[in-house]
Amino acid sequence: MEVEVRPTRPSSRWFRSFGDVTDPAGEVVCFPHAGGSAAMFQNWQRYTSALKITAVQLPGREVRLGERPFLEMTALVDALAPALAPLTGRPYAFFGHSMGALVAFEVLRRFRELELPLPSALFVSGRDAPQYADQERVHHLPDAELLARLRAWEGMEPQDLPTYEELVRLMLPTIRADLTLAETYVYVPGPPLPVPVRVLRGRRDPLVRDGDAGWARQTSADCSVHEFDGGHYFVQDQERSVVAHVGAALGVSAAREAGTQ
């Protein structure tokens, strides 16, 4: 498989950045959860002046609302990897939350196949290791049952939608498509990645079981686990702490952190 890598960073509908950073130490490419968008990471840049924050924008949300979301992982990676390949021209790391952790993992494996520069670290949040299948599948549930299940998972519904009806009309098809992609994902065994894996999890996350340790089997480098207060969406409740943890893991000097809201 071939991929075109352009010499300069192109503008792309596949990702968003949230401000200019002068001489960054690296770039963190972020992958959102099921039903999430690049806006999930829009505040992260204010907490660091040392790292450039870039977020993946998948079809079916925000400015890509009219595009059909992907239902199958391989098809998504086929489209996403070439779009992200130009970002590998300088030091970078991947951060994926929940479904985004799986997508980041598979894009990284595709980059290895293509012999592209690999990230300095893979941060995976709120997700069991890929070799563990989801025990609960909800993508096929009727709308009312699916929405009740999402509420039980701590606010997967976008908080900025003014009415329940608008949520159903606009976002439920995308959420259902993303859950289909994640819940029908089939892990294909392969050699471990030569990239450190940094696992983040909420202490009260009902969706993560004992699979954290499984991430260690996906790397030939080292693997660490760090817990935060909160549930499945701790990354949104504790943005400053998460960004600080990512910076520290990447060796970013605290003196270079923005530290202001």
Protein backbone atom coordinates (compact mmCIF):
# COMPACT_ATOMS: atom_id res chain seq x y z
CA MET A 1 0.00 0.00 0.00
CA GLU A 2 1.31 3.43 -0.93
CA VAL A 3 0.62 6.78 0.63
CA GLU A 4 1.59 10.20 -0.59
CA VAL A 5 3.54 12.22 1.96
CA ARG A 6 3.68 15.89 1.05
CA PRO A 7 6.75 17.93 2.00
CA THR A 8 4.70 20.67 3.67
CA ARG A 9 1.83 20.47 6.12
CA PRO A 10 -1.44 20.73 4.17
CA SER A 11 -4.72 22.10 5.37
CA SER A 12 -7.16 19.22 5.78
CA ARG A 13 -10.75 18.60 6.74
CA TRP A 14 -9.42 15.66 8.78
CA PHE A 15 -7.89 17.70 11.59
CA ARG A 16 -8.16 20.96 13.52
CA SER A 17 -5.63 22.98 15.49
CA PHE A 18 -6.47 25.50 18.18
CA GLY A 19 -3.93 28.31 17.96
CA ASP A 20 -0.41 29.04 16.86
CA VAL A 21 2.49 27.73 18.92
CA THR A 22 5.96 29.21 18.48
CA ASP A 23 8.66 26.57 18.12
CA PRO A 24 6.74 23.69 19.78
CA ALA A 25 8.65 20.80 21.29
CA GLY A 26 6.24 18.46 19.51
CA GLU A 27 2.68 17.89 18.43
CA VAL A 28 -0.03 15.84 20.13
CA VAL A 29 -2.54 14.40 17.66
CA CYS A 30 -5.80 13.66 19.49
CA PHE A 31 -8.55 11.18 18.55
CA PRO A 32 -12.04 11.66 20.09
CA HIS A 33 -14.45 9.17 21.64
CA ALA A 34 -17.51 7.71 19.91
CA GLY A 35 -19.83 10.54 18.95
CA GLY A 36 -17.13 13.07 19.83
CA SER A 37 -15.48 15.67 17.64
CA ALA A 38 -12.30 17.72 17.47
CA ALA A 39 -14.00 20.23 19.78
CA MET A 40 -13.42 17.77 22.63
CA PHE A 41 -9.81 19.02 22.68
CA GLN A 42 -10.37 22.71 21.93
CA ASN A 43 -9.30 23.88 25.40
CA TRP A 44 -6.11 21.85 25.60
CA GLN A 45 -3.92 24.39 23.83
CA ARG A 46 -4.49 26.99 26.55
CA TYR A 47 -2.73 24.67 29.03
CA THR A 48 0.52 24.30 27.11
CA SER A 49 2.76 26.60 25.10
CA ALA A 50 5.26 23.82 24.48
CA LEU A 51 3.11 21.35 22.56
CA LYS A 52 0.92 21.91 19.53
CA ILE A 53 -2.51 20.32 19.99
CA THR A 54 -4.13 18.93 16.86
CA ALA A 55 -7.43 17.04 16.91
CA VAL A 56 -8.77 14.57 14.37
CA GLN A 57 -12.11 15.57 12.84
CA LEU A 58 -14.03 12.51 11.69
CA PRO A 59 -16.94 12.60 9.22
CA GLY A 60 -20.45 13.03 10.57
CA ARG A 61 -19.88 15.92 13.01
CA GLU A 62 -19.27 19.68 13.15
CA VAL A 63 -18.25 21.01 9.71
CA ARG A 64 -18.39 17.42 8.40
CA LEU A 65 -21.91 16.79 9.68
CA GLY A 66 -23.22 16.10 6.19
CA GLU A 67 -20.64 13.37 5.52
CA ARG A 68 -21.38 9.72 6.19
CA PRO A 69 -19.50 8.38 9.25
CA PHE A 70 -17.43 5.23 8.92
CA LEU A 71 -18.80 1.93 10.18
CA GLU A 72 -15.65 -0.19 9.83
CA MET A 73 -12.15 0.36 11.20
CA THR A 74 -10.10 -0.66 8.18
CA ALA A 75 -12.02 1.69 5.88
CA LEU A 76 -11.51 4.55 8.35
CA VAL A 77 -7.78 3.90 8.65
CA ASP A 78 -7.47 3.65 4.84
CA ALA A 79 -8.82 7.19 4.59
CA LEU A 80 -7.30 8.69 7.74
CA ALA A 81 -3.70 7.49 7.55
CA PRO A 82 -2.84 9.37 4.31
CA ALA A 83 -4.40 12.54 5.71
CA LEU A 84 -2.32 12.34 8.91
CA ALA A 85 0.92 11.18 7.28
CA PRO A 86 2.21 14.74 6.65
CA LEU A 87 2.06 15.41 10.40
CA THR A 88 4.90 12.93 10.94
CA GLY A 89 7.52 15.40 9.70
CA ARG A 90 8.32 16.58 13.23
CA PRO A 91 8.18 14.99 16.71
CA TYR A 92 4.66 13.98 17.62
CA ALA A 93 2.57 11.75 19.89
CA PHE A 94 -0.88 10.20 19.60
CA PHE A 95 -3.63 10.58 22.22
CA GLY A 96 -6.85 8.62 21.86
CA HIS A 97 -9.83 8.44 24.20
CA SER A 98 -12.17 5.42 24.23
CA MET A 99 -12.95 4.61 20.58
CA GLY A 100 -10.24 7.12 19.69
CA ALA A 101 -7.65 4.93 21.43
CA LEU A 102 -8.46 2.08 19.04
CA VAL A 103 -8.31 4.39 16.02
CA ALA A 104 -4.97 5.86 17.13
CA PHE A 105 -3.59 2.35 17.69
CA GLU A 106 -4.61 1.16 14.22
CA VAL A 107 -3.33 4.30 12.49
CA LEU A 108 -0.01 3.79 14.27
CA ARG A 109 0.13 0.19 13.03
CA ARG A 110 -0.60 1.43 9.51
CA PHE A 111 2.21 3.99 9.80
CA ARG A 112 4.57 1.17 10.72
CA GLU A 113 3.51 -0.79 7.62
CA LEU A 114 4.18 2.30 5.50
CA GLU A 115 7.55 2.88 7.21
CA LEU A 116 6.54 6.38 8.29
CA PRO A 117 8.10 8.03 11.35
CA LEU A 118 6.36 6.72 14.46
CA PRO A 119 5.19 8.83 17.40
CA SER A 120 7.28 9.28 20.52
CA ALA A 121 4.40 7.85 22.59
CA LEU A 122 0.89 6.46 22.30
CA PHE A 123 -1.46 7.77 25.01
CA VAL A 124 -4.59 5.61 25.39
CA SER A 125 -7.42 6.73 27.64
CA GLY A 126 -10.64 5.10 28.79
CA ARG A 127 -10.18 1.95 26.73
CA ASP A 128 -9.22 -1.66 27.34
CA ALA A 129 -6.41 -3.05 25.21
CA PRO A 130 -7.45 -3.87 21.62
CA GLN A 131 -7.17 -7.64 22.06
CA TYR A 132 -10.08 -7.49 24.53
CA ALA A 133 -13.46 -7.42 22.79
CA ASP A 134 -16.26 -5.23 24.13
CA GLN A 135 -18.35 -7.28 26.53
CA GLU A 136 -21.38 -5.07 26.06
CA ARG A 137 -22.71 -4.13 22.62
CA VAL A 138 -25.22 -1.32 22.41
CA HIS A 139 -25.05 -0.01 18.83
CA HIS A 140 -28.09 -2.09 17.82
CA LEU A 141 -30.38 -0.87 20.63
CA PRO A 142 -33.52 1.17 19.86
CA ASP A 143 -33.02 4.93 20.16
CA ALA A 144 -34.55 5.34 23.62
CA GLU A 145 -32.57 2.45 25.12
CA LEU A 146 -29.35 3.61 23.49
CA LEU A 147 -29.75 7.14 24.83
CA ALA A 148 -30.46 5.79 28.33
CA ARG A 149 -27.27 3.74 28.14
CA LEU A 150 -25.26 6.76 26.99
CA ARG A 151 -26.54 8.80 29.93
CA ALA A 152 -25.39 6.03 32.25
CA TRP A 153 -21.89 6.40 30.79
CA GLU A 154 -21.64 9.97 32.10
CA GLY A 155 -22.59 12.49 29.50
CA MET A 156 -21.71 11.17 26.08
CA GLU A 157 -24.52 13.47 24.92
CA PRO A 158 -23.06 16.83 23.78
CA GLN A 159 -23.75 19.37 26.50
CA ASP A 160 -24.12 22.29 24.09
CA LEU A 161 -27.19 20.90 22.30
CA PRO A 162 -30.19 22.91 23.54
CA THR A 163 -32.81 20.17 23.42
CA TYR A 164 -33.13 16.44 23.69
CA GLU A 165 -34.89 16.38 20.33
CA GLU A 166 -31.98 18.10 18.60
CA LEU A 167 -29.58 15.58 20.09
CA VAL A 168 -31.66 12.74 18.69
CA ARG A 169 -32.00 14.38 15.29
CA LEU A 170 -28.41 15.49 14.81
CA MET A 171 -26.08 13.29 16.80
CA LEU A 172 -27.58 9.87 17.41
CA PRO A 173 -26.83 8.51 13.89
CA THR A 174 -23.17 9.49 14.29
CA ILE A 175 -22.96 8.06 17.81
CA ARG A 176 -24.54 4.83 16.62
CA ALA A 177 -22.15 4.62 13.65
CA ASP A 178 -19.12 5.16 15.89
CA LEU A 179 -20.33 2.55 18.36
CA THR A 180 -20.82 0.14 15.47
CA LEU A 181 -17.24 0.75 14.37
CA ALA A 182 -15.85 0.24 17.88
CA GLU A 183 -18.03 -2.72 18.88
CA THR A 184 -17.51 -4.67 15.63
CA TYR A 185 -13.75 -4.01 15.58
CA VAL A 186 -11.78 -7.25 15.23
CA TYR A 187 -8.25 -7.22 16.57
CA VAL A 188 -5.69 -8.83 14.27
CA PRO A 189 -2.63 -10.01 16.21
CA GLY A 190 0.65 -8.45 15.19
CA PRO A 191 4.11 -7.70 16.55
CA PRO A 192 4.25 -5.20 19.41
CA LEU A 193 4.87 -1.59 18.54
CA PRO A 194 8.28 -0.02 19.26
CA VAL A 195 6.53 2.93 20.91
CA PRO A 196 5.96 3.60 24.63
CA VAL A 197 2.32 3.25 25.66
CA ARG A 198 0.90 5.55 28.35
CA VAL A 199 -2.44 4.35 29.74
CA LEU A 200 -4.80 6.84 31.40
CA ARG A 201 -7.99 5.79 33.15
CA GLY A 202 -10.67 7.16 35.47
CA ARG A 203 -10.94 5.41 38.80
CA ARG A 204 -14.73 5.12 38.42
CA ASP A 205 -14.83 4.28 34.71
CA PRO A 206 -17.45 1.54 34.22
CA LEU A 207 -16.18 0.74 30.72
CA VAL A 208 -12.58 -0.16 31.60
CA ARG A 209 -11.95 -3.43 33.40
CA ASP A 210 -8.57 -5.15 33.87
CA GLY A 211 -7.54 -4.58 30.26
CA ASP A 212 -5.07 -1.83 31.08
CA ALA A 213 -2.36 -4.42 31.65
CA GLY A 214 -3.06 -5.77 28.19
CA TRP A 215 -1.67 -2.60 26.63
CA ALA A 216 1.79 -3.67 27.86
CA ARG A 217 1.60 -6.57 25.40
CA GLN A 218 1.15 -4.11 22.52
CA THR A 219 4.54 -2.48 22.95
CA SER A 220 8.16 -3.61 22.88
CA ALA A 221 8.99 -0.40 24.76
CA ASP A 222 7.64 0.45 28.20
CA CYS A 223 4.05 0.82 29.35
CA SER A 224 2.76 2.87 32.28
CA VAL A 225 -0.70 3.30 33.84
CA HIS A 226 -1.92 6.51 35.49
CA GLU A 227 -5.27 6.91 37.24
CA PHE A 228 -7.33 10.09 37.53
CA ASP A 229 -10.34 10.88 39.69
CA GLY A 230 -13.55 10.52 37.73
CA GLY A 231 -15.35 8.22 35.38
CA HIS A 232 -15.21 7.55 31.67
CA TYR A 233 -15.05 11.24 30.71
CA PHE A 234 -12.39 12.33 33.19
CA VAL A 235 -10.41 13.75 30.24
CA GLN A 236 -13.05 16.47 29.88
CA ASP A 237 -13.46 17.09 33.61
CA GLN A 238 -9.71 17.32 34.28
CA GLU A 239 -8.29 18.86 31.13
CA ARG A 240 -5.47 20.77 32.83
CA SER A 241 -4.26 17.70 34.74
CA VAL A 242 -4.41 15.48 31.66
CA VAL A 243 -2.46 17.96 29.53
CA ALA A 244 0.12 18.34 32.31
CA HIS A 245 0.47 14.56 32.50
CA VAL A 246 0.97 14.30 28.74
CA GLY A 247 3.58 17.05 28.81
CA ALA A 248 5.48 15.45 31.69
CA ALA A 249 5.44 12.06 29.97
CA LEU A 250 6.90 13.68 26.84
CA GLY A 251 9.59 15.47 28.84
CA VAL A 252 8.20 18.96 28.34
CA SER A 253 9.64 21.41 30.83
CA ALA A 254 7.10 22.75 33.29
CA ALA A 255 8.56 26.20 32.69
CA ARG A 256 7.20 26.06 29.17
CA GLU A 257 3.66 25.19 30.18
CA ALA A 258 1.12 27.96 29.70
CA GLY A 259 -0.66 27.17 32.95
CA THR A 260 -3.41 29.76 32.53
CA GLN A 261 -6.98 29.51 31.42
